[in-house]
Protein backbone atom coordinates (compact mmCIF):
# COMPACT_ATOMS: atom_id res chain seq x y z
CA MET A 1 0.00 0.00 0.00
CA GLU A 2 1.48 3.32 -0.95
CA THR A 3 1.89 6.20 1.49
CA GLN A 4 -0.92 8.40 0.18
CA ALA A 5 -3.44 5.55 0.36
CA LEU A 6 -2.34 4.79 3.92
CA ILE A 7 -2.76 8.44 4.95
CA GLU A 8 -6.22 8.54 3.34
CA LEU A 9 -7.21 5.41 5.21
CA LEU A 10 -5.91 6.72 8.55
CA VAL A 11 -7.74 10.03 8.16
CA THR A 12 -10.90 8.14 7.25
CA VAL A 13 -10.55 6.04 10.39
CA PHE A 14 -10.07 9.26 12.40
CA VAL A 15 -13.22 10.79 10.88
CA VAL A 16 -15.18 7.61 11.66
CA PHE A 17 -13.77 7.76 15.21
CA ILE A 18 -15.13 11.31 15.54
CA LEU A 19 -18.51 10.14 14.24
CA GLY A 20 -18.45 7.29 16.75
CA PHE A 21 -17.71 9.71 19.57
CA VAL A 22 -20.66 11.88 18.53
CA ALA A 23 -22.85 8.76 18.40
CA TRP A 24 -21.74 7.72 21.88
CA CYS A 25 -22.38 11.21 23.28
CA THR A 26 -25.80 11.35 21.64
CA ARG A 27 -26.80 7.99 23.09
CA ALA A 28 -25.41 8.76 26.53
CA MET A 29 -27.17 12.11 26.75
CA SER A 30 -30.49 10.95 25.34
CA THR A 31 -30.66 8.02 27.78
CA GLY A 32 -29.54 9.98 30.84
CA GLN A 33 -26.19 8.21 31.27
CA LEU A 34 -24.41 11.53 30.83
CA GLY A 35 -26.12 14.34 32.70
CA ARG A 36 -25.86 18.07 32.20
CA HIS A 37 -22.35 18.66 31.01
CA SER A 38 -20.36 21.84 30.50
CA TRP A 39 -18.37 20.60 27.51
CA ILE A 40 -20.76 18.69 25.29
CA GLY A 41 -24.44 18.87 24.53
CA ILE A 42 -27.05 21.12 23.01
CA ARG A 43 -26.78 24.60 24.46
CA THR A 44 -30.08 26.38 23.98
CA ARG A 45 -31.69 28.26 26.84
CA SER A 46 -34.67 25.93 27.05
CA VAL A 47 -32.53 22.76 26.96
CA LYS A 48 -30.21 24.04 29.72
CA HIS A 49 -33.15 25.08 31.93
CA CYS A 50 -33.21 21.96 34.14
CA ASP A 51 -32.25 18.29 34.19
CA LYS A 52 -35.64 17.26 32.81
CA CYS A 53 -35.26 19.68 29.88
CA TRP A 54 -31.70 18.49 29.26
CA LEU A 55 -32.77 14.85 29.03
CA LEU A 56 -35.93 15.50 27.00
CA GLY A 57 -34.14 17.86 24.60
CA HIS A 58 -31.34 15.43 23.88
CA HIS A 59 -33.82 12.60 23.49
CA ALA A 60 -35.72 14.68 20.92
CA ALA A 61 -32.53 15.56 19.05
CA ALA A 62 -31.18 12.00 18.99
CA ALA A 63 -33.25 10.81 16.02
CA LYS A 64 -31.98 13.41 13.55
CA ILE A 65 -28.44 13.21 14.85
CA ASN A 66 -28.39 9.42 14.48
CA ILE A 67 -29.76 9.60 10.93
CA SER A 68 -27.07 12.12 10.00
CA LEU A 69 -24.38 9.95 11.61
CA GLY A 70 -25.43 6.91 9.60
CA LEU A 71 -25.46 8.91 6.39
CA ALA A 72 -22.07 10.44 7.24
CA VAL A 73 -20.51 7.01 7.78
CA VAL A 74 -21.78 5.87 4.40
CA ILE A 75 -20.54 9.07 2.72
CA THR A 76 -17.12 8.74 4.36
CA VAL A 77 -16.45 5.01 4.29
CA ILE A 78 -17.60 4.00 0.80
CA PRO A 79 -15.13 6.24 -1.07
CA ALA A 80 -12.34 5.16 1.29
CA VAL A 81 -13.03 1.48 0.70
CA LEU A 82 -13.30 2.02 -3.03
CA SER A 83 -10.00 3.89 -3.03
CA ILE A 84 -8.30 0.76 -1.70
CA PHE A 85 -9.31 -1.17 -4.81
CA LEU A 86 -9.47 1.67 -7.34
CA GLN A 87 -7.19 4.64 -7.87
CA ALA A 88 -9.50 7.42 -6.73
CA PRO A 89 -8.13 10.96 -6.70
CA PHE A 90 -7.33 12.45 -3.32
CA THR A 91 -9.94 15.17 -3.85
CA VAL A 92 -12.71 12.54 -3.91
CA ILE A 93 -11.64 11.23 -0.52
CA ALA A 94 -11.18 14.72 0.94
CA VAL A 95 -14.61 15.81 -0.29
CA SER A 96 -16.13 12.71 1.30
CA TRP A 97 -14.58 13.63 4.67
CA ILE A 98 -15.87 17.19 4.47
CA ALA A 99 -19.29 16.07 3.23
CA GLY A 100 -19.60 13.50 6.01
CA LEU A 101 -18.75 16.02 8.70
CA ALA A 102 -21.06 18.61 7.11
CA VAL A 103 -23.94 16.13 7.19
CA VAL A 104 -23.34 15.61 10.92
CA VAL A 105 -23.31 19.36 11.54
CA VAL A 106 -26.64 19.71 9.72
CA GLY A 107 -28.06 16.79 11.71
CA VAL A 108 -26.94 18.33 15.00
CA LEU A 109 -28.44 21.69 14.04
CA LEU A 110 -31.75 20.09 13.08
CA GLY A 111 -31.68 18.07 16.29
CA ALA A 112 -30.97 21.21 18.31
CA ARG A 113 -33.96 22.87 16.67
CA ASP A 114 -36.17 19.94 17.69
CA ALA A 115 -34.72 19.96 21.21
CA ALA A 116 -35.35 23.66 21.64
CA TRP A 117 -38.91 23.32 20.35
CA VAL A 118 -39.77 20.38 22.62
CA THR A 119 -38.24 21.86 25.75
CA SER A 120 -39.72 25.31 25.20
CA LYS A 121 -43.14 23.75 25.81
CA ILE A 122 -42.29 22.35 29.25
CA HIS A 123 -41.94 25.42 31.44
CA VAL A 124 -44.57 27.87 30.30
CA LYS A 125 -45.17 30.73 32.73
CA GLU A 126 -48.65 31.16 34.10
CA GLY A 127 -50.73 33.35 31.84
CA ASP A 128 -48.68 32.45 28.75
CA THR A 129 -50.19 30.30 26.06
CA ALA A 130 -48.31 27.39 24.63
CA SER A 131 -48.56 27.39 20.88
């Protein structure tokens, strides 16, 4: 295996490791194994309000984040595996890394939107209407 192919494979493994870490964090937060945390998690005002909001918000966000993670793994791994057997240009592999990470960012943003929406309905002040 030549050096460039080895570097591409190692970076792909690193990107998949990052995706795995995000998957672990998502699962741990949505199931309550990892409580309110100052380093990781969705940081909207309504999600940070209390422990109940934190858990419910991350549970609501988990579906979209997990879908984006699965799609990102497919986007990242298939070109890397194909590059082992075929001579794919480096730009194809690099674009797959960027696209995979971009898909995860979009999934996290969509999940954060869902989390904020769900948790904003929990603590409605008296006299306010929940719409």
